[in-house]
């Protein structure tokens, strides 16, 4: 768990189109990362 004010670690994730996006792609900008932990899972 990150503490409030801690910079996010470097990461690369697929976007909604399957394209790889890195945190570095948004250097100098505010970023909001939103995910659904149980998306695409049964139940």
PDB file of N, CA and C in Angstrom:
ATOM      1  N   UNK A   1       0.840  -1.170   0.000  1.00  0.00           N
ATOM      2  CA  UNK A   1       0.000   0.000   0.000  1.00  0.00           C
ATOM      3  C   UNK A   1       0.890   1.240   0.000  1.00  0.00           C
ATOM      4  N   UNK A   2       0.567   2.203  -0.845  1.00  0.00           N
ATOM      5  CA  UNK A   2       1.318   3.450  -0.904  1.00  0.00           C
ATOM      6  C   UNK A   2       0.765   4.439   0.122  1.00  0.00           C
ATOM      7  N   UNK A   3       1.642   5.199   0.706  1.00  0.00           N
ATOM      8  CA  UNK A   3       1.234   6.264   1.618  1.00  0.00           C
ATOM      9  C   UNK A   3       0.787   7.469   0.789  1.00  0.00           C
ATOM     10  N   UNK A   4      -0.103   8.284   1.344  1.00  0.00           N
ATOM     11  CA  UNK A   4      -0.552   9.496   0.670  1.00  0.00           C
ATOM     12  C   UNK A   4       0.659  10.357   0.343  1.00  0.00           C
ATOM     13  N   UNK A   5       0.712  10.846  -0.900  1.00  0.00           N
ATOM     14  CA  UNK A   5       1.810  11.704  -1.333  1.00  0.00           C
ATOM     15  C   UNK A   5       2.979  10.966  -1.947  1.00  0.00           C
ATOM     16  N   UNK A   6       2.963   9.635  -1.896  1.00  0.00           N
ATOM     17  CA  UNK A   6       4.032   8.837  -2.479  1.00  0.00           C
ATOM     18  C   UNK A   6       3.862   8.787  -3.996  1.00  0.00           C
ATOM     19  N   UNK A   7       4.949   8.951  -4.720  1.00  0.00           N
ATOM     20  CA  UNK A   7       4.887   8.826  -6.181  1.00  0.00           C
ATOM     21  C   UNK A   7       4.589   7.386  -6.566  1.00  0.00           C
ATOM     22  N   UNK A   8       3.835   7.223  -7.621  1.00  0.00           N
ATOM     23  CA  UNK A   8       3.507   5.879  -8.098  1.00  0.00           C
ATOM     24  C   UNK A   8       4.751   5.222  -8.696  1.00  0.00           C
ATOM     25  N   UNK A   9       4.908   3.929  -8.500  1.00  0.00           N
ATOM     26  CA  UNK A   9       6.027   3.229  -9.137  1.00  0.00           C
ATOM     27  C   UNK A   9       5.794   3.125 -10.648  1.00  0.00           C
ATOM     28  N   UNK A  10       6.852   2.950 -11.392  1.00  0.00           N
ATOM     29  CA  UNK A  10       6.730   2.790 -12.841  1.00  0.00           C
ATOM     30  C   UNK A  10       5.894   1.549 -13.153  1.00  0.00           C
ATOM     31  N   UNK A  11       5.016   1.660 -14.146  1.00  0.00           N
ATOM     32  CA  UNK A  11       4.207   0.516 -14.560  1.00  0.00           C
ATOM     33  C   UNK A  11       3.825   0.645 -16.025  1.00  0.00           C
ATOM     34  N   UNK A  12       3.461  -0.473 -16.617  1.00  0.00           N
ATOM     35  CA  UNK A  12       2.927  -0.528 -17.971  1.00  0.00           C
ATOM     36  C   UNK A  12       1.716  -1.442 -17.924  1.00  0.00           C
ATOM     37  N   UNK A  13       0.601  -0.958 -18.474  1.00  0.00           N
ATOM     38  CA  UNK A  13      -0.660  -1.706 -18.465  1.00  0.00           C
ATOM     39  C   UNK A  13      -1.342  -1.574 -19.817  1.00  0.00           C
ATOM     40  N   UNK A  14      -2.188  -2.535 -20.190  1.00  0.00           N
ATOM     41  CA  UNK A  14      -2.958  -2.390 -21.421  1.00  0.00           C
ATOM     42  C   UNK A  14      -4.131  -1.428 -21.198  1.00  0.00           C
ATOM     43  N   UNK A  15      -4.407  -0.587 -22.201  1.00  0.00           N
ATOM     44  CA  UNK A  15      -5.572   0.286 -22.123  1.00  0.00           C
ATOM     45  C   UNK A  15      -6.803  -0.456 -22.645  1.00  0.00           C
ATOM     46  N   UNK A  16      -7.901   0.261 -22.793  1.00  0.00           N
ATOM     47  CA  UNK A  16      -9.153  -0.365 -23.222  1.00  0.00           C
ATOM     48  C   UNK A  16      -9.077  -0.954 -24.622  1.00  0.00           C
ATOM     49  N   UNK A  17      -8.061  -0.572 -25.401  1.00  0.00           N
ATOM     50  CA  UNK A  17      -7.885  -1.100 -26.752  1.00  0.00           C
ATOM     51  C   UNK A  17      -6.783  -2.154 -26.821  1.00  0.00           C
ATOM     52  N   UNK A  18      -6.216  -2.503 -25.664  1.00  0.00           N
ATOM     53  CA  UNK A  18      -5.155  -3.499 -25.633  1.00  0.00           C
ATOM     54  C   UNK A  18      -3.778  -2.924 -25.908  1.00  0.00           C
ATOM     55  N   UNK A  19      -3.672  -1.599 -26.100  1.00  0.00           N
ATOM     56  CA  UNK A  19      -2.385  -0.950 -26.337  1.00  0.00           C
ATOM     57  C   UNK A  19      -1.674  -0.756 -25.000  1.00  0.00           C
ATOM     58  N   UNK A  20      -0.361  -0.980 -24.982  1.00  0.00           N
ATOM     59  CA  UNK A  20       0.419  -0.813 -23.761  1.00  0.00           C
ATOM     60  C   UNK A  20       0.623   0.678 -23.468  1.00  0.00           C
ATOM     61  N   UNK A  21       0.355   1.068 -22.234  1.00  0.00           N
ATOM     62  CA  UNK A  21       0.512   2.448 -21.787  1.00  0.00           C
ATOM     63  C   UNK A  21       1.376   2.436 -20.533  1.00  0.00           C
ATOM     64  N   UNK A  22       2.386   3.296 -20.503  1.00  0.00           N
ATOM     65  CA  UNK A  22       3.279   3.385 -19.348  1.00  0.00           C
ATOM     66  C   UNK A  22       3.041   4.681 -18.604  1.00  0.00           C
ATOM     67  N   UNK A  23       3.335   4.671 -17.331  1.00  0.00           N
ATOM     68  CA  UNK A  23       3.242   5.896 -16.546  1.00  0.00           C
ATOM     69  C   UNK A  23       4.142   6.968 -17.151  1.00  0.00           C
ATOM     70  N   UNK A  24       5.278   6.575 -17.689  1.00  0.00           N
ATOM     71  CA  UNK A  24       6.207   7.535 -18.308  1.00  0.00           C
ATOM     72  C   UNK A  24       5.576   8.286 -19.483  1.00  0.00           C
ATOM     73  N   UNK A  25       4.544   7.703 -20.116  1.00  0.00           N
ATOM     74  CA  UNK A  25       3.860   8.367 -21.230  1.00  0.00           C
ATOM     75  C   UNK A  25       3.167   9.652 -20.787  1.00  0.00           C
ATOM     76  N   UNK A  26       2.956   9.799 -19.480  1.00  0.00           N
ATOM     77  CA  UNK A  26       2.220  10.931 -18.950  1.00  0.00           C
ATOM     78  C   UNK A  26       3.082  11.812 -18.042  1.00  0.00           C
ATOM     79  N   UNK A  27       4.386  11.783 -18.241  1.00  0.00           N
ATOM     80  CA  UNK A  27       5.308  12.568 -17.410  1.00  0.00           C
ATOM     81  C   UNK A  27       4.891  14.030 -17.395  1.00  0.00           C
ATOM     82  N   UNK A  28       4.819  14.617 -16.207  1.00  0.00           N
ATOM     83  CA  UNK A  28       4.465  16.024 -16.059  1.00  0.00           C
ATOM     84  C   UNK A  28       2.969  16.288 -16.056  1.00  0.00           C
ATOM     85  N   UNK A  29       2.149  15.237 -16.120  1.00  0.00           N
ATOM     86  CA  UNK A  29       0.701  15.380 -16.143  1.00  0.00           C
ATOM     87  C   UNK A  29       0.088  14.666 -14.941  1.00  0.00           C
ATOM     88  N   UNK A  30      -1.110  15.083 -14.567  1.00  0.00           N
ATOM     89  CA  UNK A  30      -1.858  14.364 -13.549  1.00  0.00           C
ATOM     90  C   UNK A  30      -2.413  13.098 -14.171  1.00  0.00           C
ATOM     91  N   UNK A  31      -2.420  12.008 -13.422  1.00  0.00           N
ATOM     92  CA  UNK A  31      -2.909  10.723 -13.915  1.00  0.00           C
ATOM     93  C   UNK A  31      -3.881  10.136 -12.899  1.00  0.00           C
ATOM     94  N   UNK A  32      -5.009   9.669 -13.390  1.00  0.00           N
ATOM     95  CA  UNK A  32      -5.965   8.953 -12.554  1.00  0.00           C
ATOM     96  C   UNK A  32      -6.046   7.529 -13.084  1.00  0.00           C
ATOM     97  N   UNK A  33      -5.715   6.583 -12.245  1.00  0.00           N
ATOM     98  CA  UNK A  33      -5.770   5.167 -12.623  1.00  0.00           C
ATOM     99  C   UNK A  33      -6.989   4.562 -11.948  1.00  0.00           C
ATOM    100  N   UNK A  34      -7.886   4.026 -12.743  1.00  0.00           N
ATOM    101  CA  UNK A  34      -9.126   3.464 -12.232  1.00  0.00           C
ATOM    102  C   UNK A  34      -9.229   2.041 -12.762  1.00  0.00           C
ATOM    103  N   UNK A  35      -9.488   1.108 -11.876  1.00  0.00           N
ATOM    104  CA  UNK A  35      -9.636  -0.272 -12.302  1.00  0.00           C
ATOM    105  C   UNK A  35     -10.688  -0.954 -11.462  1.00  0.00           C
ATOM    106  N   UNK A  36     -11.170  -2.035 -11.967  1.00  0.00           N
ATOM    107  CA  UNK A  36     -12.153  -2.864 -11.275  1.00  0.00           C
ATOM    108  C   UNK A  36     -11.502  -4.198 -10.992  1.00  0.00           C
ATOM    109  N   UNK A  37     -11.110  -4.447  -9.733  1.00  0.00           N
ATOM    110  CA  UNK A  37     -10.370  -5.664  -9.406  1.00  0.00           C
ATOM    111  C   UNK A  37     -11.070  -6.962  -9.799  1.00  0.00           C
ATOM    112  N   UNK A  38     -12.390  -6.962  -9.806  1.00  0.00           N
ATOM    113  CA  UNK A  38     -13.092  -8.205 -10.123  1.00  0.00           C
ATOM    114  C   UNK A  38     -13.658  -8.218 -11.539  1.00  0.00           C
ATOM    115  N   UNK A  39     -13.297  -7.254 -12.356  1.00  0.00           N
ATOM    116  CA  UNK A  39     -13.762  -7.243 -13.735  1.00  0.00           C
ATOM    117  C   UNK A  39     -13.229  -8.475 -14.466  1.00  0.00           C
ATOM    118  N   UNK A  40     -14.007  -8.984 -15.342  1.00  0.00           N
ATOM    119  CA  UNK A  40     -13.635 -10.157 -16.153  1.00  0.00           C
ATOM    120  C   UNK A  40     -13.371 -11.393 -15.306  1.00  0.00           C
ATOM    121  N   UNK A  41     -13.989 -11.495 -14.158  1.00  0.00           N
ATOM    122  CA  UNK A  41     -13.879 -12.690 -13.340  1.00  0.00           C
ATOM    123  C   UNK A  41     -15.278 -13.278 -13.154  1.00  0.00           C
ATOM    124  N   UNK A  42     -15.377 -14.567 -12.985  1.00  0.00           N
ATOM    125  CA  UNK A  42     -16.692 -15.163 -12.784  1.00  0.00           C
ATOM    126  C   UNK A  42     -17.302 -14.714 -11.452  1.00  0.00           C
ATOM    127  N   UNK A  43     -18.613 -14.642 -11.438  1.00  0.00           N
ATOM    128  CA  UNK A  43     -19.301 -14.333 -10.198  1.00  0.00           C
ATOM    129  C   UNK A  43     -19.752 -12.968 -10.166  1.00  0.00           C
TER     130      UNK A  43
END
